[in-house]
Amino acid sequence: MTSVRTARPRPTTGRGLRRAVVAPAALALALGLAACGTESDAADGESSTGEDETSISVAVPPSGWDEGIAVSYLWKQILEDEGYDVDMRDGADNGIIYTALAGGDFDVYFDAWLPLTHASYLETYGDQITELGTWYDDAKLTIAVNEDSPARSLEDLATMAGEYGNRLVGIEAGAGLTEVTQDAVIPTYGLEGMDYVISSTSAMLTELESATESGENIAVTLWRPHWAYDEYPVRDLEDPQGALGDAEDIRTYGTGDFTERYPTLTKLIGAFEMSSDQLFSLENMMFNSDEYSSEDEAARAWLEQNPTFVDDLKAAAGV
């Protein structure tokens, strides 16, 4: 399954997809995170008192890794509220990000997929970077249907194909999800009689939107995490034969000396978790809403709509 995960579908474009910047609203978030050291220490972002440094660089994942982009900008808001100087640095690809993280050019990365997708990077750089915690544990490939349709599993889909117009709507031809659907899902569950439509992510999402709005049944290839789970009334079909592979974790990694430079932030990141509902709603606001003009604005709005999130995180971290 490694080849499938590394060939992750991208970009996850949909209606209203855009990126840009914020008009922050006032939100009192008391994290009790690092203050500063001496004046000279604060000038260069370093502390000699055992407190966190006050400058930090965040590696932003490449386009298409929306969950990591969303969480990176969420953390930007949290950290800036506490007076950190946050430098958001775009990564051209994951290989460059891990190289820079190991070399100390980036301080933290929130989108490490393990144990499969990023295994090769950990083999190369694992002894030069620091694992800080797992924040999501249900990242996986899926076949999804509208929630009020009859099929409950992929086995059902084989016998109920007519209910879905004998169509399974897919994404790009070169995506790993397309490959595993063709090579594993279809033969495992006897779906050869269905028309497997290979097109694009945006076309699939357009069909999904149209079908759910009109009350028609539809089956699509999808993956978690994705904002479609928040936007549309859909659910996953069970995969009793495991043809789509196991779920992965999404973890956070820092530089090799991260825990020494950011002792309090290390605790907070270690306690950081997001439920599927929380993550899907954040992604939906950030990538699929015309209401917010930027990642920063969407992240700020999400925090305002989830006013206990930071306090709960602080309590879990014991800081």
C-alpha atoms as a PDB file:
ATOM      1  CA  MET A   1       0.000   0.000   0.000  1.00  0.00           C
ATOM      2  CA  THR A   2       2.978   2.349   0.248  1.00  0.00           C
ATOM      3  CA  SER A   3       2.851   3.214  -3.434  1.00  0.00           C
ATOM      4  CA  VAL A   4      -0.796   4.108  -3.087  1.00  0.00           C
ATOM      5  CA  ARG A   5      -0.258   6.487  -0.212  1.00  0.00           C
ATOM      6  CA  THR A   6       2.719   8.244  -1.735  1.00  0.00           C
ATOM      7  CA  ALA A   7       0.664   8.807  -4.867  1.00  0.00           C
ATOM      8  CA  ARG A   8      -1.920  10.695  -2.833  1.00  0.00           C
ATOM      9  CA  PRO A   9      -4.562  12.473  -4.913  1.00  0.00           C
ATOM     10  CA  ARG A  10      -3.951  16.190  -5.389  1.00  0.00           C
ATOM     11  CA  PRO A  11      -5.009  18.879  -5.723  1.00  0.00           C
ATOM     12  CA  THR A  12      -8.221  18.562  -3.693  1.00  0.00           C
ATOM     13  CA  THR A  13      -9.866  21.386  -5.524  1.00  0.00           C
ATOM     14  CA  GLY A  14     -13.546  22.083  -5.184  1.00  0.00           C
ATOM     15  CA  ARG A  15     -16.038  24.900  -5.377  1.00  0.00           C
ATOM     16  CA  GLY A  16     -14.631  28.168  -4.015  1.00  0.00           C
ATOM     17  CA  LEU A  17     -11.091  26.837  -3.410  1.00  0.00           C
ATOM     18  CA  ARG A  18      -8.732  29.694  -2.659  1.00  0.00           C
ATOM     19  CA  ARG A  19      -5.900  30.837  -0.427  1.00  0.00           C
ATOM     20  CA  ALA A  20      -4.891  34.247   1.111  1.00  0.00           C
ATOM     21  CA  VAL A  21      -4.726  36.380   4.327  1.00  0.00           C
ATOM     22  CA  VAL A  22      -6.780  37.701   7.313  1.00  0.00           C
ATOM     23  CA  ALA A  23      -8.401  40.440   9.259  1.00  0.00           C
ATOM     24  CA  PRO A  24      -7.972  38.947  12.766  1.00  0.00           C
ATOM     25  CA  ALA A  25     -10.756  39.370  15.309  1.00  0.00           C
ATOM     26  CA  ALA A  26     -10.047  39.826  18.958  1.00  0.00           C
ATOM     27  CA  LEU A  27     -10.025  36.519  20.795  1.00  0.00           C
ATOM     28  CA  ALA A  28      -8.635  36.144  24.301  1.00  0.00           C
ATOM     29  CA  LEU A  29      -6.772  32.827  24.332  1.00  0.00           C
ATOM     30  CA  ALA A  30      -4.689  32.216  27.408  1.00  0.00           C
ATOM     31  CA  LEU A  31      -2.291  29.394  26.697  1.00  0.00           C
ATOM     32  CA  GLY A  32       0.296  30.155  29.335  1.00  0.00           C
ATOM     33  CA  LEU A  33       2.913  29.448  26.708  1.00  0.00           C
ATOM     34  CA  ALA A  34       6.420  30.806  26.670  1.00  0.00           C
ATOM     35  CA  ALA A  35       7.050  34.409  27.370  1.00  0.00           C
ATOM     36  CA  CYS A  36      10.566  35.649  26.673  1.00  0.00           C
ATOM     37  CA  GLY A  37      13.963  35.592  28.276  1.00  0.00           C
ATOM     38  CA  THR A  38      16.112  38.679  28.643  1.00  0.00           C
ATOM     39  CA  GLU A  39      15.747  41.633  26.276  1.00  0.00           C
ATOM     40  CA  SER A  40      18.758  40.496  24.278  1.00  0.00           C
ATOM     41  CA  ASP A  41      17.356  36.964  24.111  1.00  0.00           C
ATOM     42  CA  ALA A  42      13.986  38.247  22.915  1.00  0.00           C
ATOM     43  CA  ALA A  43      15.677  40.200  20.153  1.00  0.00           C
ATOM     44  CA  ASP A  44      16.887  37.040  18.439  1.00  0.00           C
ATOM     45  CA  GLY A  45      14.036  34.812  19.556  1.00  0.00           C
ATOM     46  CA  GLU A  46      16.133  32.821  22.040  1.00  0.00           C
ATOM     47  CA  SER A  47      15.754  32.252  25.759  1.00  0.00           C
ATOM     48  CA  SER A  48      18.345  31.395  28.348  1.00  0.00           C
ATOM     49  CA  THR A  49      15.812  30.883  31.150  1.00  0.00           C
ATOM     50  CA  GLY A  50      14.342  27.529  30.161  1.00  0.00           C
ATOM     51  CA  GLU A  51      11.355  29.177  28.496  1.00  0.00           C
ATOM     52  CA  ASP A  52      10.364  28.794  24.877  1.00  0.00           C
ATOM     53  CA  GLU A  53      12.043  30.756  22.131  1.00  0.00           C
ATOM     54  CA  THR A  54       9.631  33.321  20.762  1.00  0.00           C
ATOM     55  CA  SER A  55      10.323  32.903  17.025  1.00  0.00           C
ATOM     56  CA  ILE A  56       9.292  29.764  15.157  1.00  0.00           C
ATOM     57  CA  SER A  57       9.139  28.669  11.519  1.00  0.00           C
ATOM     58  CA  VAL A  58       6.294  26.420  10.363  1.00  0.00           C
ATOM     59  CA  ALA A  59       6.697  24.272   7.251  1.00  0.00           C
ATOM     60  CA  VAL A  60       3.528  24.551   5.141  1.00  0.00           C
ATOM     61  CA  PRO A  61       2.771  21.375   3.137  1.00  0.00           C
ATOM     62  CA  PRO A  62       2.609  21.383  -0.665  1.00  0.00           C
ATOM     63  CA  SER A  63      -0.637  22.229  -2.439  1.00  0.00           C
ATOM     64  CA  GLY A  64      -3.175  19.427  -2.121  1.00  0.00           C
ATOM     65  CA  TRP A  65      -2.259  18.367   1.422  1.00  0.00           C
ATOM     66  CA  ASP A  66      -5.148  20.415   2.743  1.00  0.00           C
ATOM     67  CA  GLU A  67      -5.319  18.953   6.245  1.00  0.00           C
ATOM     68  CA  GLY A  68      -1.713  19.982   6.921  1.00  0.00           C
ATOM     69  CA  ILE A  69      -2.197  23.454   5.454  1.00  0.00           C
ATOM     70  CA  ALA A  70      -5.317  23.955   7.553  1.00  0.00           C
ATOM     71  CA  VAL A  71      -3.681  22.838  10.790  1.00  0.00           C
ATOM     72  CA  SER A  72      -0.532  24.879  10.104  1.00  0.00           C
ATOM     73  CA  TYR A  73      -2.585  28.065   9.799  1.00  0.00           C
ATOM     74  CA  LEU A  74      -4.639  27.123  12.844  1.00  0.00           C
ATOM     75  CA  TRP A  75      -1.413  26.917  14.843  1.00  0.00           C
ATOM     76  CA  LYS A  76      -0.218  30.204  13.353  1.00  0.00           C
ATOM     77  CA  GLN A  77      -3.238  31.909  14.896  1.00  0.00           C
ATOM     78  CA  ILE A  78      -2.757  30.205  18.253  1.00  0.00           C
ATOM     79  CA  LEU A  79       0.934  31.040  18.441  1.00  0.00           C
ATOM     80  CA  GLU A  80       0.574  34.629  17.295  1.00  0.00           C
ATOM     81  CA  ASP A  81      -2.075  35.196  19.965  1.00  0.00           C
ATOM     82  CA  GLU A  82       0.629  34.372  22.488  1.00  0.00           C
ATOM     83  CA  GLY A  83       3.178  36.739  21.007  1.00  0.00           C
ATOM     84  CA  TYR A  84       5.231  34.304  18.947  1.00  0.00           C
ATOM     85  CA  ASP A  85       6.817  35.545  15.752  1.00  0.00           C
ATOM     86  CA  VAL A  86       5.624  32.906  13.275  1.00  0.00           C
ATOM     87  CA  ASP A  87       7.310  32.429   9.903  1.00  0.00           C
ATOM     88  CA  MET A  88       5.159  30.362   7.524  1.00  0.00           C
ATOM     89  CA  ARG A  89       7.447  28.691   4.979  1.00  0.00           C
ATOM     90  CA  ASP A  90       5.956  26.949   1.955  1.00  0.00           C
ATOM     91  CA  GLY A  91       7.452  23.581   1.091  1.00  0.00           C
ATOM     92  CA  ALA A  92       7.740  22.694  -2.594  1.00  0.00           C
ATOM     93  CA  ASP A  93       7.440  18.989  -1.748  1.00  0.00           C
ATOM     94  CA  ASN A  94       7.711  16.720   1.259  1.00  0.00           C
ATOM     95  CA  GLY A  95      11.273  15.680   0.482  1.00  0.00           C
ATOM     96  CA  ILE A  96      12.443  19.284   0.697  1.00  0.00           C
ATOM     97  CA  ILE A  97      10.470  19.825   3.896  1.00  0.00           C
ATOM     98  CA  TYR A  98      12.034  16.859   5.699  1.00  0.00           C
ATOM     99  CA  THR A  99      15.506  17.844   4.510  1.00  0.00           C
ATOM    100  CA  ALA A 100      15.003  21.393   5.795  1.00  0.00           C
ATOM    101  CA  LEU A 101      13.516  20.145   9.072  1.00  0.00           C
ATOM    102  CA  ALA A 102      16.521  17.892   9.662  1.00  0.00           C
ATOM    103  CA  GLY A 103      18.864  20.756   8.809  1.00  0.00           C
ATOM    104  CA  GLY A 104      17.167  23.198  11.163  1.00  0.00           C
ATOM    105  CA  ASP A 105      15.840  25.494   8.436  1.00  0.00           C
ATOM    106  CA  PHE A 106      12.241  24.697   9.457  1.00  0.00           C
ATOM    107  CA  ASP A 107      11.256  24.270  13.114  1.00  0.00           C
ATOM    108  CA  VAL A 108       8.024  22.261  12.940  1.00  0.00           C
ATOM    109  CA  TYR A 109       5.911  20.284  10.438  1.00  0.00           C
ATOM    110  CA  PHE A 110       2.318  19.230  11.175  1.00  0.00           C
ATOM    111  CA  ASP A 111       1.637  16.831   8.268  1.00  0.00           C
ATOM    112  CA  ALA A 112       3.728  13.663   8.649  1.00  0.00           C
ATOM    113  CA  TRP A 113       1.752  10.628   7.379  1.00  0.00           C
ATOM    114  CA  LEU A 114       2.805   7.361   9.006  1.00  0.00           C
ATOM    115  CA  PRO A 115       3.471   4.476   9.039  1.00  0.00           C
ATOM    116  CA  LEU A 116       3.320   4.272   5.227  1.00  0.00           C
ATOM    117  CA  THR A 117       3.278   7.492   3.245  1.00  0.00           C
ATOM    118  CA  HIS A 118       6.319   9.202   4.750  1.00  0.00           C
ATOM    119  CA  ALA A 119       8.183   6.098   5.905  1.00  0.00           C
ATOM    120  CA  SER A 120      11.114   6.678   3.546  1.00  0.00           C
ATOM    121  CA  TYR A 121      11.685  10.182   4.937  1.00  0.00           C
ATOM    122  CA  LEU A 122      11.759   8.848   8.483  1.00  0.00           C
ATOM    123  CA  GLU A 123      14.255   6.191   7.436  1.00  0.00           C
ATOM    124  CA  THR A 124      16.517   8.942   6.114  1.00  0.00           C
ATOM    125  CA  TYR A 125      15.988  11.713   8.666  1.00  0.00           C
ATOM    126  CA  GLY A 126      14.439  10.017  11.693  1.00  0.00           C
ATOM    127  CA  ASP A 127      17.499  10.438  13.915  1.00  0.00           C
ATOM    128  CA  GLN A 128      17.757  14.160  13.062  1.00  0.00           C
ATOM    129  CA  ILE A 129      14.176  15.208  13.847  1.00  0.00           C
ATOM    130  CA  THR A 130      11.850  14.905  16.846  1.00  0.00           C
ATOM    131  CA  GLU A 131       8.411  13.274  16.903  1.00  0.00           C
ATOM    132  CA  LEU A 132       6.098  15.560  18.880  1.00  0.00           C
ATOM    133  CA  GLY A 133       2.760  13.763  18.755  1.00  0.00           C
ATOM    134  CA  THR A 134      -0.094  12.270  16.725  1.00  0.00           C
ATOM    135  CA  TRP A 135      -3.034  14.606  16.165  1.00  0.00           C
ATOM    136  CA  TYR A 136      -5.230  12.549  13.797  1.00  0.00           C
ATOM    137  CA  ASP A 137      -5.499   8.765  13.500  1.00  0.00           C
ATOM    138  CA  ASP A 138      -8.067   8.077  10.767  1.00  0.00           C
ATOM    139  CA  ALA A 139      -6.393   9.157   7.514  1.00  0.00           C
ATOM    140  CA  LYS A 140      -7.474   6.694   4.829  1.00  0.00           C
ATOM    141  CA  LEU A 141      -8.771   6.031   1.337  1.00  0.00           C
ATOM    142  CA  THR A 142     -12.537   5.505   1.091  1.00  0.00           C
ATOM    143  CA  ILE A 143     -15.513   4.764  -1.144  1.00  0.00           C
ATOM    144  CA  ALA A 144     -18.318   7.076  -0.023  1.00  0.00           C
ATOM    145  CA  VAL A 145     -22.040   7.281  -0.735  1.00  0.00           C
ATOM    146  CA  ASN A 146     -24.831   9.696   0.131  1.00  0.00           C
ATOM    147  CA  GLU A 147     -25.858   8.920   3.688  1.00  0.00           C
ATOM    148  CA  ASP A 148     -29.485   8.045   2.900  1.00  0.00           C
ATOM    149  CA  SER A 149     -28.617   5.471   0.222  1.00  0.00           C
ATOM    150  CA  PRO A 150     -29.075   1.716   0.793  1.00  0.00           C
ATOM    151  CA  ALA A 151     -25.565   0.227   0.610  1.00  0.00           C
ATOM    152  CA  ARG A 152     -23.659  -0.143   3.870  1.00  0.00           C
ATOM    153  CA  SER A 153     -20.574  -1.939   2.633  1.00  0.00           C
ATOM    154  CA  LEU A 154     -18.627  -2.507  -0.565  1.00  0.00           C
ATOM    155  CA  GLU A 155     -20.152  -5.977  -0.622  1.00  0.00           C
ATOM    156  CA  ASP A 156     -23.596  -4.342  -0.742  1.00  0.00           C
ATOM    157  CA  LEU A 157     -22.492  -2.086  -3.578  1.00  0.00           C
ATOM    158  CA  ALA A 158     -21.862  -5.123  -5.762  1.00  0.00           C
ATOM    159  CA  THR A 159     -25.473  -6.270  -5.394  1.00  0.00           C
ATOM    160  CA  MET A 160     -27.004  -2.772  -5.365  1.00  0.00           C
ATOM    161  CA  ALA A 161     -25.081  -1.221  -8.248  1.00  0.00           C
ATOM    162  CA  GLY A 162     -28.312  -0.365 -10.019  1.00  0.00           C
ATOM    163  CA  GLU A 163     -29.313   1.897  -7.132  1.00  0.00           C
ATOM    164  CA  TYR A 164     -26.256   4.016  -7.996  1.00  0.00           C
ATOM    165  CA  GLY A 165     -26.790   4.090 -11.743  1.00  0.00           C
ATOM    166  CA  ASN A 166     -24.121   1.393 -12.127  1.00  0.00           C
ATOM    167  CA  ARG A 167     -21.509   4.142 -11.737  1.00  0.00           C
ATOM    168  CA  LEU A 168     -18.561   4.663  -9.412  1.00  0.00           C
ATOM    169  CA  VAL A 169     -17.227   8.204  -9.781  1.00  0.00           C
ATOM    170  CA  GLY A 170     -13.461   8.542  -9.431  1.00  0.00           C
ATOM    171  CA  ILE A 171     -10.752  11.191  -9.638  1.00  0.00           C
ATOM    172  CA  GLU A 172      -7.526  11.639 -11.634  1.00  0.00           C
ATOM    173  CA  ALA A 173      -6.069   8.719 -13.584  1.00  0.00           C
ATOM    174  CA  GLY A 174      -2.667   9.038 -11.910  1.00  0.00           C
ATOM    175  CA  ALA A 175      -3.881   9.157  -8.309  1.00  0.00           C
ATOM    176  CA  GLY A 176      -3.057   6.377  -5.881  1.00  0.00           C
ATOM    177  CA  LEU A 177      -6.731   6.158  -4.959  1.00  0.00           C
ATOM    178  CA  THR A 178      -7.563   5.455  -8.609  1.00  0.00           C
ATOM    179  CA  GLU A 179      -4.917   2.756  -8.750  1.00  0.00           C
ATOM    180  CA  VAL A 180      -6.067   0.943  -5.629  1.00  0.00           C
ATOM    181  CA  THR A 181      -9.705   1.169  -6.713  1.00  0.00           C
ATOM    182  CA  GLN A 182      -8.889  -0.423 -10.072  1.00  0.00           C
ATOM    183  CA  ASP A 183      -6.408  -2.998  -8.817  1.00  0.00           C
ATOM    184  CA  ALA A 184      -7.889  -3.970  -5.456  1.00  0.00           C
ATOM    185  CA  VAL A 185     -11.395  -2.678  -4.714  1.00  0.00           C
ATOM    186  CA  ILE A 186     -13.135  -3.548  -7.991  1.00  0.00           C
ATOM    187  CA  PRO A 187     -11.821  -7.135  -8.306  1.00  0.00           C
ATOM    188  CA  THR A 188     -12.112  -7.859  -4.567  1.00  0.00           C
ATOM    189  CA  TYR A 189     -15.791  -6.918  -4.411  1.00  0.00           C
ATOM    190  CA  GLY A 190     -16.871  -7.898  -7.932  1.00  0.00           C
ATOM    191  CA  LEU A 191     -17.619  -4.362  -9.098  1.00  0.00           C
ATOM    192  CA  GLU A 192     -16.546  -4.989 -12.690  1.00  0.00           C
ATOM    193  CA  GLY A 193     -20.116  -4.422 -13.867  1.00  0.00           C
ATOM    194  CA  MET A 194     -20.064  -0.796 -12.701  1.00  0.00           C
ATOM    195  CA  ASP A 195     -18.850   2.015 -14.933  1.00  0.00           C
ATOM    196  CA  TYR A 196     -15.759   3.342 -13.158  1.00  0.00           C
ATOM    197  CA  VAL A 197     -15.632   7.014 -14.176  1.00  0.00           C
ATOM    198  CA  ILE A 198     -12.053   8.360 -14.049  1.00  0.00           C
ATOM    199  CA  SER A 199     -12.034  12.147 -14.381  1.00  0.00           C
ATOM    200  CA  SER A 200     -10.778  14.673 -11.819  1.00  0.00           C
ATOM    201  CA  THR A 201     -11.228  15.572  -8.174  1.00  0.00           C
ATOM    202  CA  SER A 202     -13.166  18.708  -9.043  1.00  0.00           C
ATOM    203  CA  ALA A 203     -15.482  16.801 -11.423  1.00  0.00           C
ATOM    204  CA  MET A 204     -16.124  14.146  -8.780  1.00  0.00           C
ATOM    205  CA  LEU A 205     -16.991  16.811  -6.204  1.00  0.00           C
ATOM    206  CA  THR A 206     -19.306  18.543  -8.653  1.00  0.00           C
ATOM    207  CA  GLU A 207     -21.187  15.281  -9.219  1.00  0.00           C
ATOM    208  CA  LEU A 208     -21.297  14.628  -5.481  1.00  0.00           C
ATOM    209  CA  GLU A 209     -22.755  18.059  -4.817  1.00  0.00           C
ATOM    210  CA  SER A 210     -25.332  17.715  -7.576  1.00  0.00           C
ATOM    211  CA  ALA A 211     -26.453  14.240  -6.490  1.00  0.00           C
ATOM    212  CA  THR A 212     -26.775  15.065  -2.792  1.00  0.00           C
ATOM    213  CA  GLU A 213     -28.701  18.273  -3.556  1.00  0.00           C
ATOM    214  CA  SER A 214     -31.117  16.465  -5.881  1.00  0.00           C
ATOM    215  CA  GLY A 215     -31.593  13.448  -3.625  1.00  0.00           C
ATOM    216  CA  GLU A 216     -29.987  10.968  -6.024  1.00  0.00           C
ATOM    217  CA  ASN A 217     -27.778   8.066  -4.959  1.00  0.00           C
ATOM    218  CA  ILE A 218     -24.088   8.312  -5.797  1.00  0.00           C
ATOM    219  CA  ALA A 219     -20.897   6.363  -5.062  1.00  0.00           C
ATOM    220  CA  VAL A 220     -17.520   8.159  -5.245  1.00  0.00           C
ATOM    221  CA  THR A 221     -13.897   7.527  -4.428  1.00  0.00           C
ATOM    222  CA  LEU A 222     -12.846   9.823  -1.564  1.00  0.00           C
ATOM    223  CA  TRP A 223     -10.380  10.021   1.317  1.00  0.00           C
ATOM    224  CA  ARG A 224     -10.141  11.166   4.900  1.00  0.00           C
ATOM    225  CA  PRO A 225      -9.546  13.878   5.915  1.00  0.00           C
ATOM    226  CA  HIS A 226     -11.513  15.902   3.345  1.00  0.00           C
ATOM    227  CA  TRP A 227     -13.883  18.847   3.694  1.00  0.00           C
ATOM    228  CA  ALA A 228     -16.552  17.014   1.637  1.00  0.00           C
ATOM    229  CA  TYR A 229     -17.473  15.092   4.811  1.00  0.00           C
ATOM    230  CA  ASP A 230     -18.480  18.389   6.403  1.00  0.00           C
ATOM    231  CA  GLU A 231     -20.079  19.928   3.322  1.00  0.00           C
ATOM    232  CA  TYR A 232     -22.188  17.025   2.020  1.00  0.00           C
ATOM    233  CA  PRO A 233     -24.358  14.312   3.636  1.00  0.00           C
ATOM    234  CA  VAL A 234     -22.039  11.384   2.881  1.00  0.00           C
ATOM    235  CA  ARG A 235     -20.693   8.325   4.692  1.00  0.00           C
ATOM    236  CA  ASP A 236     -18.095   5.658   3.990  1.00  0.00           C
ATOM    237  CA  LEU A 237     -18.926   2.166   2.839  1.00  0.00           C
ATOM    238  CA  GLU A 238     -17.466  -0.523   5.056  1.00  0.00           C
ATOM    239  CA  ASP A 239     -14.469  -2.356   3.605  1.00  0.00           C
ATOM    240  CA  PRO A 240     -14.544  -5.793   5.289  1.00  0.00           C
ATOM    241  CA  GLN A 241     -11.812  -7.214   3.029  1.00  0.00           C
ATOM    242  CA  GLY A 242      -9.446  -4.296   3.661  1.00  0.00           C
ATOM    243  CA  ALA A 243      -8.991  -3.585  -0.042  1.00  0.00           C
ATOM    244  CA  LEU A 244      -8.471   0.138   0.582  1.00  0.00           C
ATOM    245  CA  GLY A 245      -5.724  -0.412   3.143  1.00  0.00           C
ATOM    246  CA  ASP A 246      -5.391   0.547   6.791  1.00  0.00           C
ATOM    247  CA  ALA A 247      -5.825   4.011   8.255  1.00  0.00           C
ATOM    248  CA  GLU A 248      -2.721   6.090   8.882  1.00  0.00           C
ATOM    249  CA  ASP A 249      -1.752   8.603  11.555  1.00  0.00           C
ATOM    250  CA  ILE A 250      -0.923  12.256  10.946  1.00  0.00           C
ATOM    251  CA  ARG A 251       1.881  13.356  13.235  1.00  0.00           C
ATOM    252  CA  THR A 252       3.900  16.457  14.075  1.00  0.00           C
ATOM    253  CA  TYR A 253       7.689  16.565  13.828  1.00  0.00           C
ATOM    254  CA  GLY A 254      10.146  19.205  14.951  1.00  0.00           C
ATOM    255  CA  THR A 255      13.843  19.864  14.572  1.00  0.00           C
ATOM    256  CA  GLY A 256      16.269  17.689  16.502  1.00  0.00           C
ATOM    257  CA  ASP A 257      16.568  20.236  19.322  1.00  0.00           C
ATOM    258  CA  PHE A 258      12.908  21.267  19.375  1.00  0.00           C
ATOM    259  CA  THR A 259      12.157  20.081  22.919  1.00  0.00           C
ATOM    260  CA  GLU A 260      15.110  22.056  24.308  1.00  0.00           C
ATOM    261  CA  ARG A 261      14.143  25.231  22.447  1.00  0.00           C
ATOM    262  CA  TYR A 262      10.385  24.985  23.016  1.00  0.00           C
ATOM    263  CA  PRO A 263       9.736  23.011  26.229  1.00  0.00           C
ATOM    264  CA  THR A 264       6.227  24.365  26.832  1.00  0.00           C
ATOM    265  CA  LEU A 265       5.167  24.206  23.197  1.00  0.00           C
ATOM    266  CA  THR A 266       6.394  20.608  23.104  1.00  0.00           C
ATOM    267  CA  LYS A 267       3.814  19.749  25.769  1.00  0.00           C
ATOM    268  CA  LEU A 268       1.054  21.585  23.942  1.00  0.00           C
ATOM    269  CA  ILE A 269       1.753  19.934  20.582  1.00  0.00           C
ATOM    270  CA  GLY A 270       1.974  16.572  22.314  1.00  0.00           C
ATOM    271  CA  ALA A 271      -1.571  17.024  23.616  1.00  0.00           C
ATOM    272  CA  PHE A 272      -2.936  18.371  20.326  1.00  0.00           C
ATOM    273  CA  GLU A 273      -5.677  16.269  18.699  1.00  0.00           C
ATOM    274  CA  MET A 274      -8.483  16.964  16.254  1.00  0.00           C
ATOM    275  CA  SER A 275     -11.609  14.906  15.774  1.00  0.00           C
ATOM    276  CA  SER A 276     -12.831  14.196  12.250  1.00  0.00           C
ATOM    277  CA  ASP A 277     -15.691  16.665  12.688  1.00  0.00           C
ATOM    278  CA  GLN A 278     -13.329  19.394  13.865  1.00  0.00           C
ATOM    279  CA  LEU A 279     -10.860  18.844  11.046  1.00  0.00           C
ATOM    280  CA  PHE A 280     -13.508  18.552   8.329  1.00  0.00           C
ATOM    281  CA  SER A 281     -15.176  21.780   9.447  1.00  0.00           C
ATOM    282  CA  LEU A 282     -11.835  23.631   9.532  1.00  0.00           C
ATOM    283  CA  GLU A 283     -10.969  22.447   6.020  1.00  0.00           C
ATOM    284  CA  ASN A 284     -14.433  23.300   4.734  1.00  0.00           C
ATOM    285  CA  MET A 285     -14.209  26.854   6.053  1.00  0.00           C
ATOM    286  CA  MET A 286     -10.697  27.313   4.709  1.00  0.00           C
ATOM    287  CA  PHE A 287     -10.941  25.721   1.258  1.00  0.00           C
ATOM    288  CA  ASN A 288     -14.595  25.640   0.292  1.00  0.00           C
ATOM    289  CA  SER A 289     -16.183  28.816   1.589  1.00  0.00           C
ATOM    290  CA  ASP A 290     -16.479  32.178  -0.135  1.00  0.00           C
ATOM    291  CA  GLU A 291     -17.014  33.807   3.259  1.00  0.00           C
ATOM    292  CA  TYR A 292     -13.326  33.868   4.217  1.00  0.00           C
ATOM    293  CA  SER A 293     -10.678  35.476   2.044  1.00  0.00           C
ATOM    294  CA  SER A 294      -7.670  33.641   3.450  1.00  0.00           C
ATOM    295  CA  GLU A 295      -6.334  30.748   5.483  1.00  0.00           C
ATOM    296  CA  ASP A 296      -5.708  33.140   8.382  1.00  0.00           C
ATOM    297  CA  GLU A 297      -9.241  34.492   8.336  1.00  0.00           C
ATOM    298  CA  ALA A 298     -10.765  31.016   8.174  1.00  0.00           C
ATOM    299  CA  ALA A 299      -8.571  29.753  11.028  1.00  0.00           C
ATOM    300  CA  ARG A 300      -9.495  32.762  13.157  1.00  0.00           C
ATOM    301  CA  ALA A 301     -13.196  32.228  12.457  1.00  0.00           C
ATOM    302  CA  TRP A 302     -12.905  28.535  13.314  1.00  0.00           C
ATOM    303  CA  LEU A 303     -11.337  29.367  16.683  1.00  0.00           C
ATOM    304  CA  GLU A 304     -14.148  31.813  17.374  1.00  0.00           C
ATOM    305  CA  GLN A 305     -16.683  29.078  16.571  1.00  0.00           C
ATOM    306  CA  ASN A 306     -14.817  26.640  18.848  1.00  0.00           C
ATOM    307  CA  PRO A 307     -14.120  28.901  21.832  1.00  0.00           C
ATOM    308  CA  THR A 308     -13.033  26.150  24.235  1.00  0.00           C
ATOM    309  CA  PHE A 309     -10.581  24.480  21.839  1.00  0.00           C
ATOM    310  CA  VAL A 310      -7.435  26.197  23.098  1.00  0.00           C
ATOM    311  CA  ASP A 311      -8.443  26.030  26.765  1.00  0.00           C
ATOM    312  CA  ASP A 312      -9.153  22.302  26.393  1.00  0.00           C
ATOM    313  CA  LEU A 313      -5.790  21.837  24.698  1.00  0.00           C
ATOM    314  CA  LYS A 314      -4.041  23.743  27.459  1.00  0.00           C
ATOM    315  CA  ALA A 315      -5.726  21.630  30.123  1.00  0.00           C
ATOM    316  CA  ALA A 316      -4.783  18.393  28.340  1.00  0.00           C
ATOM    317  CA  ALA A 317      -1.170  19.567  28.095  1.00  0.00           C
ATOM    318  CA  GLY A 318      -1.001  20.650  31.731  1.00  0.00           C
ATOM    319  CA  VAL A 319       0.378  24.087  30.849  1.00  0.00           C
END
